[in-house]
Amino acid sequence: MAKPGSHPTLWAAVAAAKGTAQSQTGQWTAGRGARQRTVTSRVVRQLPFALESPVRVTYVEVWEHRASGHLLSHTSWITDLEVAATNVAVVVQSGRTRWKIENEQFKVHKNHGSELTHHYGHGHQSLSMGFYLLNLLAYVTHVVLALGDQLYQRCRAQESRRELWQALRALVNAFLMKSWHHLFQVYLEDADASP
């Protein structure tokens, strides 16, 4: 997303291009029935990304309104893609999809045990970034285990993810484990032995 505070040169160029051939608007409808909405777009091409930067970007801005005129959303972003009247709807959908993927992944990291916040990766001397990368590595490990390890899947069927990892953490603190496989076997033996 392009925000005025983070891209002042870009926003000044967008304002200066208003009403010129560099700036084009378009409109289409999306959805059906009660969910139908009108989408209005503005595309401004060949903008400087930053002051004295040779990099040129395309700015895309979109407003969505209900049939009643109520504003549903207003979004803007920049891209290096060629955006024209014929493909602006596809570029808008691609931008939304990318944002949704990033946003949902961040929510998973924030709310499902990783305890990440927006400021986690910003710190002095890169320490926070190091912790953030270790956290991402742990997350990828969990995903790989969840998708590809049958023993882990059996463990996961026993209880919630949070409870499972608390139990695994307790086992690791109490016993020396040779491998993930050994850890999962010990966990399942304990789970089968409990009443």
Protein backbone atom coordinates (compact mmCIF):
# COMPACT_ATOMS: atom_id res chain seq x y z
CA MET A 1 0.00 0.00 0.00
CA ALA A 2 1.13 3.50 -0.74
CA LYS A 3 0.62 5.92 2.13
CA PRO A 4 1.27 9.68 2.11
CA GLY A 5 3.55 9.57 5.16
CA SER A 6 5.86 6.93 3.75
CA HIS A 7 6.02 8.16 0.13
CA PRO A 8 5.80 12.01 0.11
CA THR A 9 7.50 12.43 -3.30
CA LEU A 10 5.16 9.90 -4.86
CA TRP A 11 2.08 11.55 -3.40
CA ALA A 12 3.18 14.99 -4.58
CA ALA A 13 3.58 13.55 -8.10
CA VAL A 14 0.13 11.92 -7.91
CA ALA A 15 -1.43 15.26 -6.91
CA ALA A 16 0.42 17.09 -9.70
CA ALA A 17 -0.76 14.54 -12.30
CA LYS A 18 -4.46 14.97 -11.49
CA GLY A 19 -6.39 15.97 -14.60
CA THR A 20 -3.48 15.29 -16.98
CA ALA A 21 -3.08 12.56 -19.61
CA GLN A 22 -0.73 10.80 -17.16
CA SER A 23 -3.74 10.10 -14.91
CA GLN A 24 -6.64 7.95 -16.12
CA THR A 25 -9.83 6.93 -14.37
CA GLY A 26 -12.13 4.02 -14.99
CA GLN A 27 -15.20 2.37 -13.53
CA TRP A 28 -16.80 -1.08 -13.50
CA THR A 29 -19.26 -3.09 -11.46
CA ALA A 30 -18.40 -6.17 -9.45
CA GLY A 31 -20.50 -8.73 -7.62
CA ARG A 32 -24.17 -9.55 -8.08
CA GLY A 33 -27.48 -8.73 -6.46
CA ALA A 34 -27.22 -7.17 -3.02
CA ARG A 35 -23.41 -7.56 -3.13
CA GLN A 36 -23.04 -5.55 -6.33
CA ARG A 37 -20.70 -2.60 -6.02
CA THR A 38 -19.25 0.07 -8.25
CA VAL A 39 -15.48 0.20 -8.46
CA THR A 40 -13.81 3.44 -9.53
CA SER A 41 -10.11 3.41 -10.31
CA ARG A 42 -7.41 5.96 -10.95
CA VAL A 43 -4.13 4.95 -12.57
CA VAL A 44 -1.17 7.32 -12.74
CA ARG A 45 1.86 6.11 -14.69
CA GLN A 46 5.57 6.92 -14.71
CA LEU A 47 5.81 8.41 -11.23
CA PRO A 48 9.09 8.78 -9.31
CA PHE A 49 9.23 6.33 -6.44
CA ALA A 50 11.36 8.69 -4.37
CA LEU A 51 13.11 12.03 -4.69
CA GLU A 52 15.82 11.86 -7.40
CA SER A 53 15.09 8.17 -7.98
CA PRO A 54 15.37 6.76 -11.49
CA VAL A 55 12.75 4.13 -10.57
CA ARG A 56 9.35 4.84 -12.09
CA VAL A 57 6.17 3.22 -10.79
CA THR A 58 2.48 3.10 -11.56
CA TYR A 59 0.10 4.30 -8.87
CA VAL A 60 -3.29 2.57 -8.63
CA GLU A 61 -6.11 3.93 -6.47
CA VAL A 62 -9.51 2.28 -6.05
CA TRP A 63 -12.81 3.27 -4.44
CA GLU A 64 -15.64 0.78 -3.95
CA HIS A 65 -19.21 1.98 -3.40
CA ARG A 66 -22.48 0.16 -2.78
CA ALA A 67 -25.41 0.93 -5.08
CA SER A 68 -26.62 3.32 -2.35
CA GLY A 69 -23.39 5.31 -2.71
CA HIS A 70 -21.95 4.15 0.64
CA LEU A 71 -18.12 3.92 0.47
CA LEU A 72 -16.99 0.37 1.22
CA SER A 73 -13.25 0.78 0.75
CA HIS A 74 -10.55 3.07 -0.55
CA THR A 75 -7.18 1.54 -1.34
CA SER A 76 -4.03 2.61 -3.14
CA TRP A 77 -0.76 0.96 -4.02
CA ILE A 78 2.13 1.12 -6.44
CA THR A 79 3.31 -1.45 -8.95
CA ASP A 80 5.85 -1.96 -11.68
CA LEU A 81 3.24 -3.72 -13.84
CA GLU A 82 1.84 -2.16 -17.00
CA VAL A 83 -1.65 -1.06 -16.01
CA ALA A 84 -4.17 -0.13 -18.71
CA ALA A 85 -7.94 0.21 -18.91
CA THR A 86 -8.11 -3.36 -20.21
CA ASN A 87 -6.31 -4.96 -17.23
CA VAL A 88 -6.86 -2.59 -14.31
CA ALA A 89 -9.54 -4.85 -12.75
CA VAL A 90 -7.12 -7.82 -12.86
CA VAL A 91 -4.30 -5.75 -11.34
CA VAL A 92 -6.65 -4.54 -8.59
CA GLN A 93 -7.70 -8.12 -7.80
CA SER A 94 -4.05 -9.24 -7.79
CA GLY A 95 -3.11 -6.42 -5.41
CA ARG A 96 -5.93 -7.32 -3.04
CA THR A 97 -5.03 -11.00 -3.14
CA ARG A 98 -1.40 -10.26 -2.32
CA TRP A 99 -2.41 -8.00 0.55
CA LYS A 100 -4.83 -10.64 1.86
CA ILE A 101 -2.15 -13.35 1.81
CA GLU A 102 0.32 -11.12 3.67
CA ASN A 103 -2.27 -9.87 6.16
CA GLU A 104 -3.67 -13.32 6.95
CA GLN A 105 -0.19 -14.76 7.42
CA PHE A 106 0.67 -11.94 9.80
CA LYS A 107 -2.54 -12.63 11.75
CA VAL A 108 -1.53 -16.28 12.05
CA HIS A 109 1.88 -15.26 13.40
CA LYS A 110 0.38 -12.70 15.75
CA ASN A 111 -2.61 -14.60 17.16
CA HIS A 112 -1.77 -18.30 17.03
CA GLY A 113 1.17 -18.78 19.34
CA SER A 114 4.04 -16.91 17.70
CA GLU A 115 3.24 -13.70 19.62
CA LEU A 116 4.53 -11.41 16.87
CA THR A 117 3.64 -7.74 16.66
CA HIS A 118 4.21 -5.20 13.87
CA HIS A 119 7.23 -3.83 15.74
CA TYR A 120 8.88 -7.21 16.30
CA GLY A 121 11.17 -6.92 13.28
CA HIS A 122 12.32 -3.37 14.02
CA GLY A 123 15.02 -3.08 16.61
CA HIS A 124 18.50 -1.94 17.46
CA GLN A 125 21.48 -3.71 15.86
CA SER A 126 19.24 -6.26 14.10
CA LEU A 127 18.51 -8.33 17.23
CA SER A 128 14.75 -8.08 16.81
CA MET A 129 15.05 -9.04 13.15
CA GLY A 130 17.08 -12.09 14.16
CA PHE A 131 14.37 -13.15 16.62
CA TYR A 132 11.73 -12.53 13.97
CA LEU A 133 13.57 -14.75 11.44
CA LEU A 134 13.95 -17.51 14.04
CA ASN A 135 10.23 -17.24 14.70
CA LEU A 136 9.51 -17.56 10.96
CA LEU A 137 11.78 -20.60 10.79
CA ALA A 138 9.83 -22.19 13.66
CA TYR A 139 6.57 -21.42 11.85
CA VAL A 140 7.81 -23.04 8.62
CA THR A 141 8.89 -26.08 10.66
CA HIS A 142 5.38 -26.33 12.11
CA VAL A 143 3.82 -26.12 8.65
CA VAL A 144 6.14 -28.79 7.26
CA LEU A 145 5.38 -31.07 10.22
CA ALA A 146 1.64 -30.46 9.92
CA LEU A 147 1.60 -31.25 6.21
CA GLY A 148 4.17 -34.01 5.96
CA ASP A 149 4.75 -35.87 9.21
CA GLN A 150 2.19 -38.56 10.09
CA LEU A 151 3.50 -38.94 13.64
CA TYR A 152 3.07 -35.20 14.24
CA GLN A 153 -0.43 -35.38 12.74
CA ARG A 154 -1.30 -38.15 15.22
CA CYS A 155 0.01 -35.97 18.05
CA ARG A 156 -1.99 -32.99 16.76
CA ALA A 157 -5.18 -35.08 16.72
CA GLN A 158 -4.83 -35.53 20.50
CA GLU A 159 -5.28 -31.85 21.47
CA SER A 160 -5.03 -28.23 20.38
CA ARG A 161 -1.82 -26.86 18.87
CA ARG A 162 -1.11 -24.72 21.93
CA GLU A 163 -1.64 -27.62 24.34
CA LEU A 164 0.46 -29.94 22.19
CA TRP A 165 3.41 -27.55 22.10
CA GLN A 166 3.15 -26.96 25.86
CA ALA A 167 3.27 -30.73 26.39
CA LEU A 168 6.20 -31.10 23.96
CA ARG A 169 8.03 -28.26 25.70
CA ALA A 170 7.55 -30.02 29.07
CA LEU A 171 8.91 -33.28 27.62
CA VAL A 172 11.97 -31.52 26.15
CA ASN A 173 12.64 -29.84 29.52
CA ALA A 174 12.36 -33.18 31.37
CA PHE A 175 14.08 -35.61 28.99
CA LEU A 176 16.84 -35.68 26.42
CA MET A 177 15.27 -36.37 23.02
CA LYS A 178 17.24 -37.86 20.13
CA SER A 179 15.03 -36.42 17.38
CA TRP A 180 11.62 -35.00 16.52
CA HIS A 181 10.51 -38.56 15.79
CA HIS A 182 11.58 -39.67 19.28
CA LEU A 183 9.84 -36.68 20.86
CA PHE A 184 6.55 -37.46 19.10
CA GLN A 185 6.80 -41.16 20.03
CA VAL A 186 7.31 -40.32 23.72
CA TYR A 187 4.39 -37.87 23.60
CA LEU A 188 2.08 -40.48 22.03
CA GLU A 189 3.16 -43.13 24.59
CA ASP A 190 2.35 -40.67 27.40
CA ALA A 191 -1.00 -39.79 25.79
CA ASP A 192 -1.91 -43.47 25.34
CA ALA A 193 -0.85 -44.28 28.93
CA SER A 194 -2.96 -41.51 30.51
CA PRO A 195 -6.54 -42.42 31.50
